C-alpha atoms as a PDB file:
ATOM      1  CA  MET A   1      12.013  24.230  36.911  1.00  0.00           C
ATOM      2  CA  THR A   2      10.721  27.797  37.063  1.00  0.00           C
ATOM      3  CA  ARG A   3       9.946  29.044  40.541  1.00  0.00           C
ATOM      4  CA  VAL A   4       7.199  31.672  40.780  1.00  0.00           C
ATOM      5  CA  ALA A   5       6.268  33.775  43.801  1.00  0.00           C
ATOM      6  CA  LEU A   6       3.256  35.998  44.383  1.00  0.00           C
ATOM      7  CA  VAL A   7       4.058  38.886  46.735  1.00  0.00           C
ATOM      8  CA  THR A   8       1.209  41.010  48.049  1.00  0.00           C
ATOM      9  CA  GLY A   9       2.008  44.600  48.951  1.00  0.00           C
ATOM     10  CA  ALA A  10       5.040  44.503  46.673  1.00  0.00           C
ATOM     11  CA  SER A  11       5.007  48.232  45.954  1.00  0.00           C
ATOM     12  CA  ARG A  12       6.471  49.274  49.316  1.00  0.00           C
ATOM     13  CA  GLY A  13       8.030  48.301  52.618  1.00  0.00           C
ATOM     14  CA  ILE A  14       8.426  44.664  53.553  1.00  0.00           C
ATOM     15  CA  GLY A  15       6.545  43.476  50.458  1.00  0.00           C
ATOM     16  CA  ARG A  16       8.952  45.330  48.189  1.00  0.00           C
ATOM     17  CA  ALA A  17      11.960  43.931  50.045  1.00  0.00           C
ATOM     18  CA  VAL A  18      10.584  40.386  49.834  1.00  0.00           C
ATOM     19  CA  ALA A  19       9.825  40.751  46.112  1.00  0.00           C
ATOM     20  CA  ARG A  20      13.326  42.012  45.406  1.00  0.00           C
ATOM     21  CA  ALA A  21      14.943  39.255  47.479  1.00  0.00           C
ATOM     22  CA  LEU A  22      12.925  36.582  45.687  1.00  0.00           C
ATOM     23  CA  GLY A  23      13.862  38.115  42.339  1.00  0.00           C
ATOM     24  CA  ASP A  24      17.522  38.041  43.372  1.00  0.00           C
ATOM     25  CA  GLY A  25      17.028  34.392  44.308  1.00  0.00           C
ATOM     26  CA  GLY A  26      15.881  33.430  40.825  1.00  0.00           C
ATOM     27  CA  PHE A  27      12.121  33.490  41.291  1.00  0.00           C
ATOM     28  CA  HIS A  28       9.795  34.980  38.716  1.00  0.00           C
ATOM     29  CA  VAL A  29       7.854  37.464  40.844  1.00  0.00           C
ATOM     30  CA  ALA A  30       4.201  38.478  40.526  1.00  0.00           C
ATOM     31  CA  CYS A  31       4.012  41.794  42.365  1.00  0.00           C
ATOM     32  CA  SER A  32       0.544  42.552  43.692  1.00  0.00           C
ATOM     33  CA  TYR A  33      -0.350  46.094  44.743  1.00  0.00           C
ATOM     34  CA  SER A  34      -3.576  47.913  45.573  1.00  0.00           C
ATOM     35  CA  THR A  35      -3.068  51.594  44.761  1.00  0.00           C
ATOM     36  CA  ASP A  36       0.441  52.781  43.842  1.00  0.00           C
ATOM     37  CA  ASP A  37       1.013  51.808  40.209  1.00  0.00           C
ATOM     38  CA  ALA A  38       4.250  53.814  39.916  1.00  0.00           C
ATOM     39  CA  ALA A  39       5.801  52.206  42.998  1.00  0.00           C
ATOM     40  CA  ALA A  40       4.855  48.726  41.778  1.00  0.00           C
ATOM     41  CA  LYS A  41       6.504  49.455  38.429  1.00  0.00           C
ATOM     42  CA  GLU A  42       9.638  50.582  40.297  1.00  0.00           C
ATOM     43  CA  THR A  43       9.730  47.239  42.120  1.00  0.00           C
ATOM     44  CA  VAL A  44       9.415  45.364  38.822  1.00  0.00           C
ATOM     45  CA  GLU A  45      12.132  47.489  37.220  1.00  0.00           C
ATOM     46  CA  ALA A  46      14.467  46.902  40.179  1.00  0.00           C
ATOM     47  CA  ILE A  47      14.049  43.136  39.793  1.00  0.00           C
ATOM     48  CA  GLU A  48      14.455  43.211  36.014  1.00  0.00           C
ATOM     49  CA  THR A  49      17.518  45.468  36.192  1.00  0.00           C
ATOM     50  CA  LYS A  50      19.279  42.686  38.079  1.00  0.00           C
ATOM     51  CA  GLY A  51      18.284  40.123  35.445  1.00  0.00           C
ATOM     52  CA  GLY A  52      15.141  38.801  37.127  1.00  0.00           C
ATOM     53  CA  ARG A  53      11.619  38.494  35.779  1.00  0.00           C
ATOM     54  CA  ALA A  54       8.640  40.243  37.321  1.00  0.00           C
ATOM     55  CA  ALA A  55       5.227  41.695  36.557  1.00  0.00           C
ATOM     56  CA  ALA A  56       2.879  43.950  38.523  1.00  0.00           C
ATOM     57  CA  PHE A  57      -0.829  43.246  39.067  1.00  0.00           C
ATOM     58  CA  ARG A  58      -3.307  45.603  40.715  1.00  0.00           C
ATOM     59  CA  ALA A  59      -5.444  43.753  43.212  1.00  0.00           C
ATOM     60  CA  ASP A  60      -6.656  44.541  46.709  1.00  0.00           C
ATOM     61  CA  VAL A  61      -6.499  41.140  48.421  1.00  0.00           C
ATOM     62  CA  ALA A  62      -9.015  42.393  50.998  1.00  0.00           C
ATOM     63  CA  GLU A  63     -11.606  42.575  48.184  1.00  0.00           C
ATOM     64  CA  GLY A  64     -12.983  39.217  47.098  1.00  0.00           C
ATOM     65  CA  SER A  65     -13.814  40.500  43.620  1.00  0.00           C
ATOM     66  CA  ASP A  66     -10.157  41.478  43.058  1.00  0.00           C
ATOM     67  CA  VAL A  67      -8.855  38.102  44.086  1.00  0.00           C
END
């Protein structure tokens, strides 16, 4: 069974650490970010470099239209 996690704020700080830990744990990770495209891509690359699967999605979860 594939386990999937959605991590908000995955481009920096605690969100990035959580996304990477979940990726290390075998989850496919959907990395949500609001502004820093480059940092989100770095998070995805870090997960994929270790053999995980991840993708980045721009969305500000404070904005209903983005959700």
